Amino acid sequence: MVKDNPEYFTFDSVASGIEEIKDFQTAGVVAFARGTPFVSMQSGSLSVAGQRFKVDKPQLDQNRDIVGALAAKFW
């Protein structure tokens, strides 16, 4: 994909486009299940299908920064 459509990427290899996102599962699943854009999701105790999930602010902020950096590579 990168080689076939380089105009869509700011990097030239797949390895350069990879970002490690630690503990994204809870925040990502909660955002998806609630239909909330990840970048605007709030931290704290959040309800999904009648269950409560804790989303920590420091981890959410760090993941938001990493997702933003990854997204910036595609523009």
C-alpha atoms as a PDB file:
ATOM      1  CA  MET A   1       0.000   0.000   0.000  1.00  0.00           C
ATOM      2  CA  VAL A   2       2.771   2.479   0.910  1.00  0.00           C
ATOM      3  CA  LYS A   3       4.722   1.729  -2.255  1.00  0.00           C
ATOM      4  CA  ASP A   4       1.621   1.726  -4.465  1.00  0.00           C
ATOM      5  CA  ASN A   5       0.171   4.984  -3.077  1.00  0.00           C
ATOM      6  CA  PRO A   6       3.009   7.071  -1.594  1.00  0.00           C
ATOM      7  CA  GLU A   7       0.991  10.288  -1.937  1.00  0.00           C
ATOM      8  CA  TYR A   8      -1.184   9.165   1.017  1.00  0.00           C
ATOM      9  CA  PHE A   9       1.689   8.711   3.462  1.00  0.00           C
ATOM     10  CA  THR A  10       4.402  10.826   5.064  1.00  0.00           C
ATOM     11  CA  PHE A  11       6.661   7.782   5.455  1.00  0.00           C
ATOM     12  CA  ASP A  12       8.144   5.338   2.960  1.00  0.00           C
ATOM     13  CA  SER A  13       8.118   2.023   4.836  1.00  0.00           C
ATOM     14  CA  VAL A  14       5.550   0.152   6.890  1.00  0.00           C
ATOM     15  CA  ALA A  15       7.940   0.042   9.866  1.00  0.00           C
ATOM     16  CA  SER A  16       8.057   3.855   9.913  1.00  0.00           C
ATOM     17  CA  GLY A  17       4.258   3.971  10.167  1.00  0.00           C
ATOM     18  CA  ILE A  18       3.937   1.768  13.245  1.00  0.00           C
ATOM     19  CA  GLU A  19       3.238   3.217  16.698  1.00  0.00           C
ATOM     20  CA  GLU A  20       3.029   1.198  19.921  1.00  0.00           C
ATOM     21  CA  ILE A  21      -0.099   2.006  21.911  1.00  0.00           C
ATOM     22  CA  LYS A  22       0.053   0.501  25.398  1.00  0.00           C
ATOM     23  CA  ASP A  23      -3.175  -0.427  27.179  1.00  0.00           C
ATOM     24  CA  PHE A  24      -5.336   0.827  24.308  1.00  0.00           C
ATOM     25  CA  GLN A  25      -7.802  -2.025  24.653  1.00  0.00           C
ATOM     26  CA  THR A  26      -9.918  -0.615  27.494  1.00  0.00           C
ATOM     27  CA  ALA A  27     -10.075   2.948  26.170  1.00  0.00           C
ATOM     28  CA  GLY A  28     -10.510   1.831  22.564  1.00  0.00           C
ATOM     29  CA  VAL A  29     -13.249  -0.678  23.343  1.00  0.00           C
ATOM     30  CA  VAL A  30     -15.109   1.775  25.584  1.00  0.00           C
ATOM     31  CA  ALA A  31     -14.910   4.531  22.945  1.00  0.00           C
ATOM     32  CA  PHE A  32     -16.167   2.174  20.234  1.00  0.00           C
ATOM     33  CA  ALA A  33     -18.955   0.701  22.373  1.00  0.00           C
ATOM     34  CA  ARG A  34     -20.158   4.164  23.412  1.00  0.00           C
ATOM     35  CA  GLY A  35     -19.879   5.550  19.896  1.00  0.00           C
ATOM     36  CA  THR A  36     -17.572   8.254  21.211  1.00  0.00           C
ATOM     37  CA  PRO A  37     -14.672   9.540  19.123  1.00  0.00           C
ATOM     38  CA  PHE A  38     -11.524   8.443  20.912  1.00  0.00           C
ATOM     39  CA  VAL A  39     -10.043  11.941  20.851  1.00  0.00           C
ATOM     40  CA  SER A  40     -13.001  13.435  22.745  1.00  0.00           C
ATOM     41  CA  MET A  41     -13.645  10.603  25.214  1.00  0.00           C
ATOM     42  CA  GLN A  42     -13.473  11.493  28.917  1.00  0.00           C
ATOM     43  CA  SER A  43     -11.567   9.534  31.536  1.00  0.00           C
ATOM     44  CA  GLY A  44     -13.081   8.102  34.704  1.00  0.00           C
ATOM     45  CA  SER A  45     -15.630   5.415  35.430  1.00  0.00           C
ATOM     46  CA  LEU A  46     -17.699   4.941  32.270  1.00  0.00           C
ATOM     47  CA  SER A  47     -20.741   2.770  31.638  1.00  0.00           C
ATOM     48  CA  VAL A  48     -21.011   0.364  28.710  1.00  0.00           C
ATOM     49  CA  ALA A  49     -23.971  -2.010  28.433  1.00  0.00           C
ATOM     50  CA  GLY A  50     -24.691  -1.707  32.145  1.00  0.00           C
ATOM     51  CA  GLN A  51     -21.113  -2.381  33.235  1.00  0.00           C
ATOM     52  CA  ARG A  52     -18.633   0.168  34.572  1.00  0.00           C
ATOM     53  CA  PHE A  53     -15.114   0.490  33.181  1.00  0.00           C
ATOM     54  CA  LYS A  54     -12.319   2.653  34.539  1.00  0.00           C
ATOM     55  CA  VAL A  55     -10.397   4.677  31.979  1.00  0.00           C
ATOM     56  CA  ASP A  56      -7.328   6.333  33.547  1.00  0.00           C
ATOM     57  CA  LYS A  57      -6.632   9.921  32.467  1.00  0.00           C
ATOM     58  CA  PRO A  58      -2.812   9.631  32.164  1.00  0.00           C
ATOM     59  CA  GLN A  59      -3.095   6.498  30.013  1.00  0.00           C
ATOM     60  CA  LEU A  60      -5.918   7.993  27.931  1.00  0.00           C
ATOM     61  CA  ASP A  61      -3.911  11.194  27.354  1.00  0.00           C
ATOM     62  CA  GLN A  62      -0.821   9.215  26.362  1.00  0.00           C
ATOM     63  CA  ASN A  63      -2.822   7.016  23.977  1.00  0.00           C
ATOM     64  CA  ARG A  64      -4.543  10.074  22.503  1.00  0.00           C
ATOM     65  CA  ASP A  65      -1.118  11.630  21.789  1.00  0.00           C
ATOM     66  CA  ILE A  66       0.153   8.433  20.158  1.00  0.00           C
ATOM     67  CA  VAL A  67      -2.994   8.034  18.027  1.00  0.00           C
ATOM     68  CA  GLY A  68      -2.630  11.687  16.980  1.00  0.00           C
ATOM     69  CA  ALA A  69       0.996  11.112  15.979  1.00  0.00           C
ATOM     70  CA  LEU A  70      -0.013   8.040  13.997  1.00  0.00           C
ATOM     71  CA  ALA A  71      -2.851   9.892  12.259  1.00  0.00           C
ATOM     72  CA  ALA A  72      -0.510  12.764  11.373  1.00  0.00           C
ATOM     73  CA  LYS A  73       1.625  10.337   9.355  1.00  0.00           C
ATOM     74  CA  PHE A  74      -1.252   9.874   6.913  1.00  0.00           C
ATOM     75  CA  TRP A  75      -1.635  13.536   5.944  1.00  0.00           C
END
